[in-house]
């Protein structure tokens, strides 16, 4: 069912103070099982549910992914309070946002280009390694990694390279 929100120009359906939004996708043949596993992992990832890490997405009630038609189609359903604009504003302006822009010819930094805060660095390293990410090990004066992790003051840190050779970092606050 497709319906128009209250102002006539936004997607979704208004039902009193609650709105709904749905998206449907085709799934590449043979990828259903891997997608199902990734969606299960996503649901178990801290930060996926509203309220995790104290990030209070106020408008959302639920968000669901559903594989159907013998794993050849994927649906995303969400329900939220208020208007489409309020939902988008809440979703995109609550918590951290990262924008990446391509540069012709690329660039390569010889220092940490970006660091991502994670709640459990060991679990994050294990998850990324399962997906083929290779972590760096260092042994410099004042910076030595043990099992890819270095304690730096009030945080733990681990580094890996992106496809362009830039140094990326995961860090976990200790305090």
C-alpha atoms as a PDB file:
ATOM      1  CA  UNK A   1       0.000   0.000   0.000  1.00  0.00           C
ATOM      2  CA  UNK A   2       1.339   3.400  -0.904  1.00  0.00           C
ATOM      3  CA  UNK A   3      -0.072   6.501   0.677  1.00  0.00           C
ATOM      4  CA  UNK A   4       0.960  10.093   1.044  1.00  0.00           C
ATOM      5  CA  UNK A   5       1.843  11.769   4.330  1.00  0.00           C
ATOM      6  CA  UNK A   6      -0.251  14.621   5.698  1.00  0.00           C
ATOM      7  CA  UNK A   7       1.317  17.440   3.647  1.00  0.00           C
ATOM      8  CA  UNK A   8       0.894  15.557   0.357  1.00  0.00           C
ATOM      9  CA  UNK A   9       4.578  15.677  -0.631  1.00  0.00           C
ATOM     10  CA  UNK A  10       6.324  13.060   1.515  1.00  0.00           C
ATOM     11  CA  UNK A  11       6.424   9.233   1.363  1.00  0.00           C
ATOM     12  CA  UNK A  12       4.784   6.978   3.921  1.00  0.00           C
ATOM     13  CA  UNK A  13       1.459   6.782   5.694  1.00  0.00           C
ATOM     14  CA  UNK A  14       0.252   8.841   8.651  1.00  0.00           C
ATOM     15  CA  UNK A  15      -1.888   7.065  11.218  1.00  0.00           C
ATOM     16  CA  UNK A  16      -2.618   9.619  13.916  1.00  0.00           C
ATOM     17  CA  UNK A  17       0.709  10.751  15.404  1.00  0.00           C
ATOM     18  CA  UNK A  18       2.555   7.689  13.977  1.00  0.00           C
ATOM     19  CA  UNK A  19       3.940   7.370  10.446  1.00  0.00           C
ATOM     20  CA  UNK A  20       5.244   4.361   8.536  1.00  0.00           C
ATOM     21  CA  UNK A  21       7.869   4.037   5.836  1.00  0.00           C
ATOM     22  CA  UNK A  22       8.823   0.981   3.763  1.00  0.00           C
ATOM     23  CA  UNK A  23      11.483   0.173   1.166  1.00  0.00           C
ATOM     24  CA  UNK A  24      11.773  -2.936  -1.013  1.00  0.00           C
ATOM     25  CA  UNK A  25      14.953  -4.275  -2.630  1.00  0.00           C
ATOM     26  CA  UNK A  26      15.937  -7.129  -4.930  1.00  0.00           C
ATOM     27  CA  UNK A  27      18.583  -9.510  -3.536  1.00  0.00           C
ATOM     28  CA  UNK A  28      21.300 -10.927  -5.789  1.00  0.00           C
ATOM     29  CA  UNK A  29      20.711 -14.627  -6.475  1.00  0.00           C
ATOM     30  CA  UNK A  30      22.513 -16.795  -3.930  1.00  0.00           C
ATOM     31  CA  UNK A  31      23.169 -13.912  -1.491  1.00  0.00           C
ATOM     32  CA  UNK A  32      20.122 -14.440   0.752  1.00  0.00           C
ATOM     33  CA  UNK A  33      21.881 -16.570   3.361  1.00  0.00           C
ATOM     34  CA  UNK A  34      24.807 -14.137   3.708  1.00  0.00           C
ATOM     35  CA  UNK A  35      22.425 -11.175   3.874  1.00  0.00           C
ATOM     36  CA  UNK A  36      20.357 -12.929   6.555  1.00  0.00           C
ATOM     37  CA  UNK A  37      23.541 -13.497   8.618  1.00  0.00           C
ATOM     38  CA  UNK A  38      24.580  -9.848   8.187  1.00  0.00           C
ATOM     39  CA  UNK A  39      21.137  -8.637   9.279  1.00  0.00           C
ATOM     40  CA  UNK A  40      21.288 -10.881  12.362  1.00  0.00           C
ATOM     41  CA  UNK A  41      24.713  -9.436  13.193  1.00  0.00           C
ATOM     42  CA  UNK A  42      23.378  -5.891  12.667  1.00  0.00           C
ATOM     43  CA  UNK A  43      20.541  -6.475  15.121  1.00  0.00           C
ATOM     44  CA  UNK A  44      23.022  -7.706  17.730  1.00  0.00           C
ATOM     45  CA  UNK A  45      25.388  -4.762  17.228  1.00  0.00           C
ATOM     46  CA  UNK A  46      25.412  -2.160  20.003  1.00  0.00           C
ATOM     47  CA  UNK A  47      24.182   1.113  18.551  1.00  0.00           C
ATOM     48  CA  UNK A  48      21.596  -0.497  16.275  1.00  0.00           C
ATOM     49  CA  UNK A  49      18.666   0.042  18.623  1.00  0.00           C
ATOM     50  CA  UNK A  50      17.466   3.507  19.662  1.00  0.00           C
ATOM     51  CA  UNK A  51      18.879   4.408  23.059  1.00  0.00           C
ATOM     52  CA  UNK A  52      22.160   2.482  22.669  1.00  0.00           C
ATOM     53  CA  UNK A  53      25.176   4.602  23.695  1.00  0.00           C
ATOM     54  CA  UNK A  54      22.811   7.231  25.046  1.00  0.00           C
ATOM     55  CA  UNK A  55      21.977   8.289  21.471  1.00  0.00           C
ATOM     56  CA  UNK A  56      18.331   9.130  21.879  1.00  0.00           C
ATOM     57  CA  UNK A  57      16.600   8.924  18.554  1.00  0.00           C
ATOM     58  CA  UNK A  58      13.294  10.220  19.797  1.00  0.00           C
ATOM     59  CA  UNK A  59      10.954   9.561  16.883  1.00  0.00           C
ATOM     60  CA  UNK A  60      11.561   5.933  15.901  1.00  0.00           C
ATOM     61  CA  UNK A  61       9.445   3.081  17.289  1.00  0.00           C
ATOM     62  CA  UNK A  62      10.871   0.178  15.337  1.00  0.00           C
ATOM     63  CA  UNK A  63      12.803  -0.760  12.231  1.00  0.00           C
ATOM     64  CA  UNK A  64      12.673  -4.211  10.657  1.00  0.00           C
ATOM     65  CA  UNK A  65      14.320  -5.994   7.754  1.00  0.00           C
ATOM     66  CA  UNK A  66      12.469  -8.951   6.216  1.00  0.00           C
ATOM     67  CA  UNK A  67      13.765 -11.364   3.562  1.00  0.00           C
ATOM     68  CA  UNK A  68      11.001 -12.976   1.474  1.00  0.00           C
ATOM     69  CA  UNK A  69      10.248 -14.707  -1.861  1.00  0.00           C
ATOM     70  CA  UNK A  70      12.880 -17.401  -1.228  1.00  0.00           C
ATOM     71  CA  UNK A  71      15.435 -14.766  -0.159  1.00  0.00           C
ATOM     72  CA  UNK A  72      15.202 -12.870  -3.469  1.00  0.00           C
ATOM     73  CA  UNK A  73      13.600  -9.722  -1.981  1.00  0.00           C
ATOM     74  CA  UNK A  74      14.308  -7.598   1.083  1.00  0.00           C
ATOM     75  CA  UNK A  75      11.879  -5.226   2.793  1.00  0.00           C
ATOM     76  CA  UNK A  76      12.727  -2.500   5.292  1.00  0.00           C
ATOM     77  CA  UNK A  77       9.869  -1.258   7.480  1.00  0.00           C
ATOM     78  CA  UNK A  78       9.926   1.492  10.095  1.00  0.00           C
ATOM     79  CA  UNK A  79       7.357   3.348  12.158  1.00  0.00           C
ATOM     80  CA  UNK A  80       7.976   6.682  13.803  1.00  0.00           C
ATOM     81  CA  UNK A  81       6.263   9.574  15.543  1.00  0.00           C
ATOM     82  CA  UNK A  82       5.309  12.705  13.679  1.00  0.00           C
ATOM     83  CA  UNK A  83       6.141  13.876  10.203  1.00  0.00           C
ATOM     84  CA  UNK A  84       8.652  12.580   7.672  1.00  0.00           C
ATOM     85  CA  UNK A  85      10.712  15.758   8.123  1.00  0.00           C
ATOM     86  CA  UNK A  86      10.902  15.282  11.908  1.00  0.00           C
ATOM     87  CA  UNK A  87      11.975  11.645  11.429  1.00  0.00           C
ATOM     88  CA  UNK A  88      14.698  12.543   8.919  1.00  0.00           C
ATOM     89  CA  UNK A  89      15.889  15.417  11.086  1.00  0.00           C
ATOM     90  CA  UNK A  90      16.031  13.131  14.141  1.00  0.00           C
ATOM     91  CA  UNK A  91      17.683  10.267  12.251  1.00  0.00           C
ATOM     92  CA  UNK A  92      20.364  12.353  10.532  1.00  0.00           C
ATOM     93  CA  UNK A  93      21.053  14.862  13.284  1.00  0.00           C
ATOM     94  CA  UNK A  94      21.197  12.578  16.325  1.00  0.00           C
ATOM     95  CA  UNK A  95      24.613  11.129  16.972  1.00  0.00           C
ATOM     96  CA  UNK A  96      27.617  11.222  14.720  1.00  0.00           C
ATOM     97  CA  UNK A  97      27.435  11.697  10.967  1.00  0.00           C
ATOM     98  CA  UNK A  98      30.324  11.129   8.591  1.00  0.00           C
ATOM     99  CA  UNK A  99      30.425  12.494   5.058  1.00  0.00           C
ATOM    100  CA  UNK A 100      33.050  11.240   2.599  1.00  0.00           C
ATOM    101  CA  UNK A 101      33.888  12.971  -0.652  1.00  0.00           C
ATOM    102  CA  UNK A 102      35.875  11.524  -3.559  1.00  0.00           C
ATOM    103  CA  UNK A 103      38.963  13.339  -4.814  1.00  0.00           C
ATOM    104  CA  UNK A 104      40.191  12.671  -8.324  1.00  0.00           C
ATOM    105  CA  UNK A 105      43.485  10.849  -8.104  1.00  0.00           C
ATOM    106  CA  UNK A 106      42.837  10.104  -4.437  1.00  0.00           C
ATOM    107  CA  UNK A 107      44.999  11.063  -1.497  1.00  0.00           C
ATOM    108  CA  UNK A 108      47.001   9.164   1.057  1.00  0.00           C
ATOM    109  CA  UNK A 109      47.623  10.432   4.559  1.00  0.00           C
ATOM    110  CA  UNK A 110      50.761   9.323   6.406  1.00  0.00           C
ATOM    111  CA  UNK A 111      48.994   9.711   9.748  1.00  0.00           C
ATOM    112  CA  UNK A 112      45.688   8.545  11.249  1.00  0.00           C
ATOM    113  CA  UNK A 113      43.061   9.940   8.892  1.00  0.00           C
ATOM    114  CA  UNK A 114      40.015   9.119  11.018  1.00  0.00           C
ATOM    115  CA  UNK A 115      39.211   7.293  14.251  1.00  0.00           C
ATOM    116  CA  UNK A 116      35.973   5.477  15.075  1.00  0.00           C
ATOM    117  CA  UNK A 117      34.896   5.165  18.720  1.00  0.00           C
ATOM    118  CA  UNK A 118      33.677   1.648  19.521  1.00  0.00           C
ATOM    119  CA  UNK A 119      32.273   0.228  22.769  1.00  0.00           C
ATOM    120  CA  UNK A 120      34.399  -2.958  22.695  1.00  0.00           C
ATOM    121  CA  UNK A 121      37.611  -2.773  20.691  1.00  0.00           C
ATOM    122  CA  UNK A 122      38.363  -6.511  20.887  1.00  0.00           C
ATOM    123  CA  UNK A 123      34.907  -7.419  19.554  1.00  0.00           C
ATOM    124  CA  UNK A 124      35.175  -4.772  16.818  1.00  0.00           C
ATOM    125  CA  UNK A 125      38.581  -6.057  15.733  1.00  0.00           C
ATOM    126  CA  UNK A 126      37.282  -9.631  15.638  1.00  0.00           C
ATOM    127  CA  UNK A 127      34.259  -8.602  13.554  1.00  0.00           C
ATOM    128  CA  UNK A 128      36.336  -6.625  11.050  1.00  0.00           C
ATOM    129  CA  UNK A 129      38.913  -9.423  10.794  1.00  0.00           C
ATOM    130  CA  UNK A 130      36.075 -11.829   9.911  1.00  0.00           C
ATOM    131  CA  UNK A 131      35.422  -9.525   6.960  1.00  0.00           C
ATOM    132  CA  UNK A 132      39.045  -9.519   5.828  1.00  0.00           C
ATOM    133  CA  UNK A 133      40.378  -6.359   7.491  1.00  0.00           C
ATOM    134  CA  UNK A 134      44.066  -6.646   8.399  1.00  0.00           C
ATOM    135  CA  UNK A 135      45.175  -4.718  11.492  1.00  0.00           C
ATOM    136  CA  UNK A 136      48.556  -3.077  11.856  1.00  0.00           C
ATOM    137  CA  UNK A 137      51.048  -3.840  14.614  1.00  0.00           C
ATOM    138  CA  UNK A 138      53.513  -1.210  15.835  1.00  0.00           C
ATOM    139  CA  UNK A 139      56.590  -1.297  18.050  1.00  0.00           C
ATOM    140  CA  UNK A 140      57.835   2.277  18.399  1.00  0.00           C
ATOM    141  CA  UNK A 141      59.057   4.107  21.497  1.00  0.00           C
ATOM    142  CA  UNK A 142      55.848   5.129  23.292  1.00  0.00           C
ATOM    143  CA  UNK A 143      53.570   3.149  20.944  1.00  0.00           C
ATOM    144  CA  UNK A 144      53.509  -0.638  21.062  1.00  0.00           C
ATOM    145  CA  UNK A 145      50.561  -2.807  20.081  1.00  0.00           C
ATOM    146  CA  UNK A 146      49.740  -6.127  21.725  1.00  0.00           C
ATOM    147  CA  UNK A 147      47.304  -8.205  19.656  1.00  0.00           C
ATOM    148  CA  UNK A 148      46.810  -5.073  17.502  1.00  0.00           C
ATOM    149  CA  UNK A 149      45.841  -2.875  20.491  1.00  0.00           C
ATOM    150  CA  UNK A 150      47.769  -0.072  22.166  1.00  0.00           C
ATOM    151  CA  UNK A 151      46.720   1.655  25.397  1.00  0.00           C
ATOM    152  CA  UNK A 152      47.130   5.420  25.024  1.00  0.00           C
ATOM    153  CA  UNK A 153      46.196   7.272  28.198  1.00  0.00           C
ATOM    154  CA  UNK A 154      42.426   6.909  28.678  1.00  0.00           C
ATOM    155  CA  UNK A 155      41.775   4.848  25.558  1.00  0.00           C
ATOM    156  CA  UNK A 156      42.694   1.704  23.674  1.00  0.00           C
ATOM    157  CA  UNK A 157      43.433   2.044  19.962  1.00  0.00           C
ATOM    158  CA  UNK A 158      44.001  -0.201  16.940  1.00  0.00           C
ATOM    159  CA  UNK A 159      44.875   0.746  13.359  1.00  0.00           C
ATOM    160  CA  UNK A 160      44.199  -0.621   9.887  1.00  0.00           C
ATOM    161  CA  UNK A 161      44.559   0.664   6.317  1.00  0.00           C
ATOM    162  CA  UNK A 162      41.794   1.547   3.888  1.00  0.00           C
ATOM    163  CA  UNK A 163      41.958   0.578   0.208  1.00  0.00           C
ATOM    164  CA  UNK A 164      44.007   3.709  -0.559  1.00  0.00           C
ATOM    165  CA  UNK A 165      46.543   3.024   2.202  1.00  0.00           C
ATOM    166  CA  UNK A 166      45.194   5.666   4.612  1.00  0.00           C
ATOM    167  CA  UNK A 167      45.533   4.832   8.297  1.00  0.00           C
ATOM    168  CA  UNK A 168      42.185   4.350  10.056  1.00  0.00           C
ATOM    169  CA  UNK A 169      41.756   3.816  13.789  1.00  0.00           C
ATOM    170  CA  UNK A 170      39.310   2.200  16.193  1.00  0.00           C
ATOM    171  CA  UNK A 171      39.362   3.510  19.747  1.00  0.00           C
ATOM    172  CA  UNK A 172      37.629   2.514  22.966  1.00  0.00           C
ATOM    173  CA  UNK A 173      37.369   4.940  25.867  1.00  0.00           C
ATOM    174  CA  UNK A 174      38.592   3.403  29.130  1.00  0.00           C
ATOM    175  CA  UNK A 175      36.913   5.877  31.470  1.00  0.00           C
END
